[in-house]
Protein backbone atom coordinates (compact mmCIF):
# COMPACT_ATOMS: atom_id res chain seq x y z
CA MET A 1 36.44 99.43 95.36
CA ALA A 2 38.62 99.92 98.40
CA PRO A 3 36.79 99.75 101.70
CA ASP A 4 36.40 103.23 103.10
CA THR A 5 35.03 102.90 106.59
CA ARG A 6 35.86 106.53 107.27
CA LEU A 7 33.63 107.62 104.38
CA ARG A 8 30.83 105.34 105.61
CA LEU A 9 31.09 106.88 109.09
CA ALA A 10 31.01 110.37 107.57
CA ALA A 11 27.77 109.42 105.79
CA ILE A 12 26.30 108.11 109.05
CA ARG A 13 27.31 111.32 110.83
CA LYS A 14 25.75 113.45 108.10
CA ALA A 15 22.50 111.46 108.25
CA LEU A 16 22.38 111.90 112.01
CA GLU A 17 23.00 115.65 111.70
CA ASP A 18 20.59 116.22 108.80
CA ILE A 19 17.77 113.86 109.78
CA ILE A 20 17.92 112.95 113.47
CA VAL A 21 19.23 116.15 115.11
CA PRO A 22 16.30 118.29 113.84
CA LEU A 23 13.82 115.79 115.26
CA ILE A 24 15.14 115.94 118.83
CA PRO A 25 13.33 118.63 120.82
CA ALA A 26 15.54 121.25 122.45
CA GLU A 27 14.06 120.37 125.85
CA ALA A 28 15.23 116.74 125.49
CA ALA A 29 18.58 117.57 127.10
CA PHE A 30 19.59 113.95 127.73
CA ALA A 31 18.89 112.95 124.10
CA GLN A 32 20.79 116.02 122.87
CA GLU A 33 23.73 115.14 125.12
CA GLN A 34 23.73 111.52 123.96
CA LEU A 35 23.60 112.53 120.31
CA GLY A 36 26.53 114.88 120.90
CA LEU A 37 28.49 111.98 122.41
CA ILE A 38 27.60 109.77 119.45
CA LEU A 39 28.75 112.40 116.95
CA ARG A 40 32.02 112.94 118.83
CA SER A 41 32.54 109.18 119.06
CA ILE A 42 32.10 108.88 115.30
CA ASP A 43 34.74 111.59 114.82
CA ILE A 44 37.14 109.83 117.19
CA VAL A 45 36.68 106.49 115.41
CA ARG A 46 37.16 108.12 111.99
CA ASP A 47 40.44 109.62 113.20
CA GLN A 48 41.60 106.32 114.76
CA ILE A 49 40.84 103.95 111.88
CA PRO A 50 43.96 104.77 109.83
CA HIS A 51 46.14 104.17 112.89
CA GLU A 52 44.45 101.14 114.47
CA GLU A 53 46.85 98.54 113.06
CA ALA A 54 49.86 100.68 114.01
CA PHE A 55 48.46 100.94 117.54
CA LEU A 56 48.15 97.15 117.78
CA ILE A 57 51.66 96.63 116.41
CA HIS A 58 53.03 99.19 118.87
CA ASP A 59 51.21 97.41 121.71
CA ALA A 60 52.52 94.03 120.63
CA HIS A 61 56.13 95.24 120.64
CA ALA A 62 55.70 97.13 123.93
CA PHE A 63 54.20 94.06 125.62
CA ALA A 64 56.93 91.83 124.17
CA ALA A 65 59.60 94.20 125.52
CA LEU A 66 57.96 94.20 128.94
CA GLY A 67 57.64 90.41 128.77
CA ARG A 68 61.35 90.05 127.97
CA ALA A 69 62.24 92.33 130.90
CA LEU A 70 59.97 90.37 133.24
CA GLY A 71 61.35 87.10 131.88
CA GLN A 72 64.81 88.09 133.07
CA HIS A 73 63.44 87.92 136.61
CA ALA A 74 61.54 84.66 136.17
CA ALA A 75 63.10 81.55 137.64
CA PRO A 76 63.10 78.41 135.49
CA HIS A 77 60.58 76.75 137.85
CA ASP A 78 58.11 79.69 137.67
CA THR A 79 54.99 78.56 135.84
CA CYS A 80 54.88 81.90 134.00
CA ALA A 81 58.30 81.48 132.37
CA ALA A 82 57.46 79.13 129.50
CA PRO A 83 54.13 80.76 128.52
CA LEU A 84 55.81 84.16 128.64
CA ARG A 85 58.59 83.01 126.29
CA GLU A 86 56.02 81.42 123.96
CA ALA A 87 53.90 84.58 123.87
CA ILE A 88 56.96 86.71 123.08
CA ALA A 89 58.01 84.30 120.33
CA ARG A 90 54.48 84.40 118.84
CA VAL A 91 54.50 88.21 118.73
CA GLU A 92 57.95 88.21 117.15
CA ALA A 93 56.85 85.62 114.58
CA ILE A 94 53.68 87.36 113.40
CA CYS A 95 54.15 91.04 114.12
CA PRO A 96 55.83 93.28 111.58
CA ALA A 97 58.58 95.55 112.86
CA GLN A 98 56.37 98.55 112.22
CA ALA A 99 53.06 99.37 110.57
CA LEU A 100 52.83 100.81 107.11
CA ARG A 101 51.24 104.24 107.09
CA ARG A 102 47.76 103.79 105.68
CA SER A 103 48.06 106.99 103.63
CA GLU A 104 51.16 105.58 101.93
CA LEU A 105 49.39 102.31 101.20
CA GLU A 106 46.32 104.12 99.84
CA GLN A 107 48.56 106.20 97.58
CA ALA A 108 50.43 103.12 96.34
CA VAL A 109 47.15 101.32 95.62
CA GLY A 110 45.82 104.36 93.76
CA THR A 111 48.97 104.53 91.64
CA MET A 112 48.79 100.78 90.97
CA ARG A 113 45.13 101.06 89.94
CA ALA A 114 45.93 103.91 87.53
CA CYS A 115 48.82 101.93 86.01
CA ILE A 116 46.60 98.87 85.56
CA GLU A 117 43.89 100.95 83.90
CA GLN A 118 46.47 102.38 81.51
CA ALA A 119 47.93 98.92 80.79
CA VAL A 120 44.50 97.41 80.09
CA GLU A 121 43.62 100.30 77.81
CA GLU A 122 46.92 100.13 75.93
CA ILE A 123 47.22 96.34 75.71
CA GLY A 124 43.49 95.96 75.06
CA ALA A 125 43.65 98.23 72.02
CA ASP A 126 45.00 95.22 70.10
CA ALA A 127 42.31 92.51 69.73
CA ALA A 128 44.77 89.61 70.00
CA ARG A 129 46.37 90.98 73.13
CA LEU A 130 42.94 91.83 74.57
CA ALA A 131 41.96 88.18 74.16
CA ALA A 132 45.11 87.19 76.04
CA ILE A 133 44.45 89.46 79.02
CA ALA A 134 40.66 89.02 79.18
CA PRO A 135 40.86 85.88 81.41
CA LEU A 136 43.16 87.74 83.81
CA ILE A 137 40.73 90.62 84.10
CA LEU A 138 37.71 88.33 84.52
CA SER A 139 39.44 86.25 87.20
CA TYR A 140 40.47 89.36 89.11
CA THR A 141 36.95 90.81 88.81
CA GLU A 142 35.31 87.62 90.11
CA THR A 143 37.61 87.49 93.14
CA GLN A 144 37.25 91.20 93.84
CA THR A 145 33.47 91.02 93.51
CA LEU A 146 33.33 88.22 96.09
CA LEU A 147 35.47 90.26 98.45
CA GLU A 148 33.37 93.39 98.01
CA ARG A 149 30.10 91.48 98.41
CA ARG A 150 31.45 89.91 101.61
CA TRP A 151 32.71 93.27 102.86
CA VAL A 152 29.20 94.78 102.79
CA VAL A 153 27.16 91.63 103.48
CA GLY A 154 25.86 93.21 106.68
CA THR A 155 23.71 95.61 104.66
CA GLY A 156 21.35 92.73 103.92
CA PHE A 157 21.27 93.43 100.19
CA ASP A 158 23.25 90.43 98.99
CA PRO A 159 20.96 87.91 97.28
CA ALA A 160 22.98 84.89 98.47
CA PRO A 161 25.05 85.74 101.55
CA GLU A 162 25.35 82.08 102.52
CA THR A 163 27.39 81.43 99.36
CA LEU A 164 30.06 83.96 100.25
CA PRO A 165 33.38 82.79 101.66
CA ALA A 166 34.46 83.98 105.09
CA LEU A 167 36.15 87.38 105.04
CA ASP A 168 39.17 85.95 106.87
CA GLY A 169 39.52 83.28 104.19
CA ILE A 170 39.70 85.94 101.48
CA LEU A 171 41.91 88.48 103.25
CA TYR A 172 44.17 86.06 105.12
CA PRO A 173 44.31 82.91 102.97
CA ALA A 174 47.52 81.66 104.58
CA SER A 175 46.25 82.15 108.11
CA THR A 176 46.10 79.12 110.35
CA GLU A 177 43.23 80.63 112.35
CA ILE A 178 40.44 81.26 109.87
CA THR A 179 37.07 82.27 111.29
CA ALA A 180 33.76 83.20 109.74
């Protein structure tokens, strides 16, 4: 299951509208105003989520460009010169040239999922071939289940949250800065 934070926020918004809004008295102007701000904030966040990574990548490149321009005016003895060059190099080393549109990625994942379902159905129709692919499917399912359990661990429903690996360790296994 792909994480759909936008859908989760829509459910929160609907619960607020259907359950909380009717309970707030009309004369509670401040509470009504605050709830309106909360609902608008949820809408803003839902609209921003698909573009958040692109925003960060844009910022990284804009700051690197500004850093390069400033660096042209830095003298070799300026204490800012070396850290500025290092920061620019770090951005250039880790930052993609541009972000992938989330909608394109979601579409590609959906297509991939459909192709995998078709392949499993077709290959699995033959018992011998099903036996050959079964370990692949089980391994994938175990890894994916760990990821999905970790993704929603904050709900408090997981029976053994302490056994789950860190989300960073699952999503960014090659990262040199893994945090819990």
